[in-house]
Amino acid sequence: MALMDNTETPHLTAAEQGDAEAQYLLGYMYEKGNSVPQDIQKAEHWYSMAAAQWHAGAEYRLKLFKTPVLGRGKLNYRKNYG
């Protein structure tokens, strides 16, 4: 994954090697568009990888994506954040 200035992020290597915190950080970067183009599908992917290792923050962010009652479900994501 290249950052906007075409440098490599140190989080990618660690995330690909299974580091849950790095996976969570990549998810957050993609969710918010910090240093990478915003991409909700990639954010969900990295959050899912971290959540599979019981990362509480990633589990929480995934629940927000999937809870339309809170207005943050996938159908409402762009309206609230985009």
C-alpha atoms as a PDB file:
ATOM      1  CA  MET A   1       0.000   0.000   0.000  1.00  0.00           C
ATOM      2  CA  ALA A   2       1.500   3.301  -1.015  1.00  0.00           C
ATOM      3  CA  LEU A   3       0.769   6.487   0.803  1.00  0.00           C
ATOM      4  CA  MET A   4      -0.360   9.545  -1.118  1.00  0.00           C
ATOM      5  CA  ASP A   5       3.254  10.665  -1.492  1.00  0.00           C
ATOM      6  CA  ASN A   6       4.188   7.213  -2.862  1.00  0.00           C
ATOM      7  CA  THR A   7       6.169   6.114   0.182  1.00  0.00           C
ATOM      8  CA  GLU A   8       5.454   2.804   1.823  1.00  0.00           C
ATOM      9  CA  THR A   9       3.680   2.702   5.154  1.00  0.00           C
ATOM     10  CA  PRO A  10       5.423   0.677   7.859  1.00  0.00           C
ATOM     11  CA  HIS A  11       2.029  -0.593   8.992  1.00  0.00           C
ATOM     12  CA  LEU A  12       1.457  -2.620   5.829  1.00  0.00           C
ATOM     13  CA  THR A  13       4.344  -5.019   6.364  1.00  0.00           C
ATOM     14  CA  ALA A  14       3.393  -5.606   9.989  1.00  0.00           C
ATOM     15  CA  ALA A  15      -0.291  -5.996   9.072  1.00  0.00           C
ATOM     16  CA  GLU A  16       0.498  -8.528   6.366  1.00  0.00           C
ATOM     17  CA  GLN A  17       2.550 -10.451   8.918  1.00  0.00           C
ATOM     18  CA  GLY A  18      -0.495 -10.650  11.199  1.00  0.00           C
ATOM     19  CA  ASP A  19       0.071  -7.765  13.617  1.00  0.00           C
ATOM     20  CA  ALA A  20      -3.421  -6.929  14.921  1.00  0.00           C
ATOM     21  CA  GLU A  21      -2.550  -3.371  15.964  1.00  0.00           C
ATOM     22  CA  ALA A  22      -1.108  -2.602  12.522  1.00  0.00           C
ATOM     23  CA  GLN A  23      -4.216  -4.105  10.899  1.00  0.00           C
ATOM     24  CA  TYR A  24      -6.402  -1.900  13.083  1.00  0.00           C
ATOM     25  CA  LEU A  25      -4.351   1.188  12.220  1.00  0.00           C
ATOM     26  CA  LEU A  26      -4.618   0.469   8.492  1.00  0.00           C
ATOM     27  CA  GLY A  27      -8.361   0.038   8.875  1.00  0.00           C
ATOM     28  CA  TYR A  28      -8.580   3.390  10.609  1.00  0.00           C
ATOM     29  CA  MET A  29      -6.411   5.054   7.973  1.00  0.00           C
ATOM     30  CA  TYR A  30      -8.664   3.757   5.204  1.00  0.00           C
ATOM     31  CA  GLU A  31     -11.846   4.600   7.082  1.00  0.00           C
ATOM     32  CA  LYS A  32     -10.830   8.214   7.637  1.00  0.00           C
ATOM     33  CA  GLY A  33      -8.707   8.718   4.526  1.00  0.00           C
ATOM     34  CA  ASN A  34      -5.591   9.494   6.576  1.00  0.00           C
ATOM     35  CA  SER A  35      -2.497   9.269   4.310  1.00  0.00           C
ATOM     36  CA  VAL A  36      -4.394   6.951   1.931  1.00  0.00           C
ATOM     37  CA  PRO A  37      -7.491   7.454  -0.208  1.00  0.00           C
ATOM     38  CA  GLN A  38     -10.642   6.743   1.806  1.00  0.00           C
ATOM     39  CA  ASP A  39     -11.808   3.198   1.069  1.00  0.00           C
ATOM     40  CA  ILE A  40     -14.471   1.711   3.318  1.00  0.00           C
ATOM     41  CA  GLN A  41     -14.106  -1.795   1.873  1.00  0.00           C
ATOM     42  CA  LYS A  42     -10.388  -1.850   2.666  1.00  0.00           C
ATOM     43  CA  ALA A  43     -11.091  -0.405   6.109  1.00  0.00           C
ATOM     44  CA  GLU A  44     -13.563  -3.189   6.794  1.00  0.00           C
ATOM     45  CA  HIS A  45     -11.077  -5.787   5.526  1.00  0.00           C
ATOM     46  CA  TRP A  46      -8.308  -4.654   7.877  1.00  0.00           C
ATOM     47  CA  TYR A  47     -10.682  -4.233  10.812  1.00  0.00           C
ATOM     48  CA  SER A  48     -11.934  -7.785  10.190  1.00  0.00           C
ATOM     49  CA  MET A  49      -8.391  -9.142  10.167  1.00  0.00           C
ATOM     50  CA  ALA A  50      -7.638  -7.430  13.494  1.00  0.00           C
ATOM     51  CA  ALA A  51     -10.985  -8.400  15.017  1.00  0.00           C
ATOM     52  CA  ALA A  52     -10.270 -12.047  14.186  1.00  0.00           C
ATOM     53  CA  GLN A  53      -7.403 -11.689  16.674  1.00  0.00           C
ATOM     54  CA  TRP A  54      -9.698 -10.183  19.323  1.00  0.00           C
ATOM     55  CA  HIS A  55      -8.606  -6.577  18.827  1.00  0.00           C
ATOM     56  CA  ALA A  56     -11.274  -4.686  20.791  1.00  0.00           C
ATOM     57  CA  GLY A  57     -10.960  -1.452  18.821  1.00  0.00           C
ATOM     58  CA  ALA A  58     -11.382  -3.256  15.510  1.00  0.00           C
ATOM     59  CA  GLU A  59     -14.390  -5.149  16.833  1.00  0.00           C
ATOM     60  CA  TYR A  60     -15.944  -1.846  17.906  1.00  0.00           C
ATOM     61  CA  ARG A  61     -15.332  -0.133  14.543  1.00  0.00           C
ATOM     62  CA  LEU A  62     -16.855  -3.109  12.689  1.00  0.00           C
ATOM     63  CA  LYS A  63     -19.946  -2.934  14.882  1.00  0.00           C
ATOM     64  CA  LEU A  64     -20.337   0.741  13.990  1.00  0.00           C
ATOM     65  CA  PHE A  65     -20.195  -0.135  10.299  1.00  0.00           C
ATOM     66  CA  LYS A  66     -22.865  -2.786  10.727  1.00  0.00           C
ATOM     67  CA  THR A  67     -25.275  -0.944  13.023  1.00  0.00           C
ATOM     68  CA  PRO A  68     -27.679   1.111  10.894  1.00  0.00           C
ATOM     69  CA  VAL A  69     -29.656   2.010  14.023  1.00  0.00           C
ATOM     70  CA  LEU A  70     -26.777   4.264  15.027  1.00  0.00           C
ATOM     71  CA  GLY A  71     -26.778   5.814  11.567  1.00  0.00           C
ATOM     72  CA  ARG A  72     -23.358   4.413  10.764  1.00  0.00           C
ATOM     73  CA  GLY A  73     -24.293   1.302   8.835  1.00  0.00           C
ATOM     74  CA  LYS A  74     -22.870   0.783   5.383  1.00  0.00           C
ATOM     75  CA  LEU A  75     -25.938   2.287   3.723  1.00  0.00           C
ATOM     76  CA  ASN A  76     -25.552   5.498   5.705  1.00  0.00           C
ATOM     77  CA  TYR A  77     -21.770   5.747   5.817  1.00  0.00           C
ATOM     78  CA  ARG A  78     -21.341   8.317   3.053  1.00  0.00           C
ATOM     79  CA  LYS A  79     -24.171  10.455   4.407  1.00  0.00           C
ATOM     80  CA  ASN A  80     -22.553  10.640   7.832  1.00  0.00           C
ATOM     81  CA  TYR A  81     -18.851  10.604   6.989  1.00  0.00           C
ATOM     82  CA  GLY A  82     -18.356  10.921   3.243  1.00  0.00           C
END
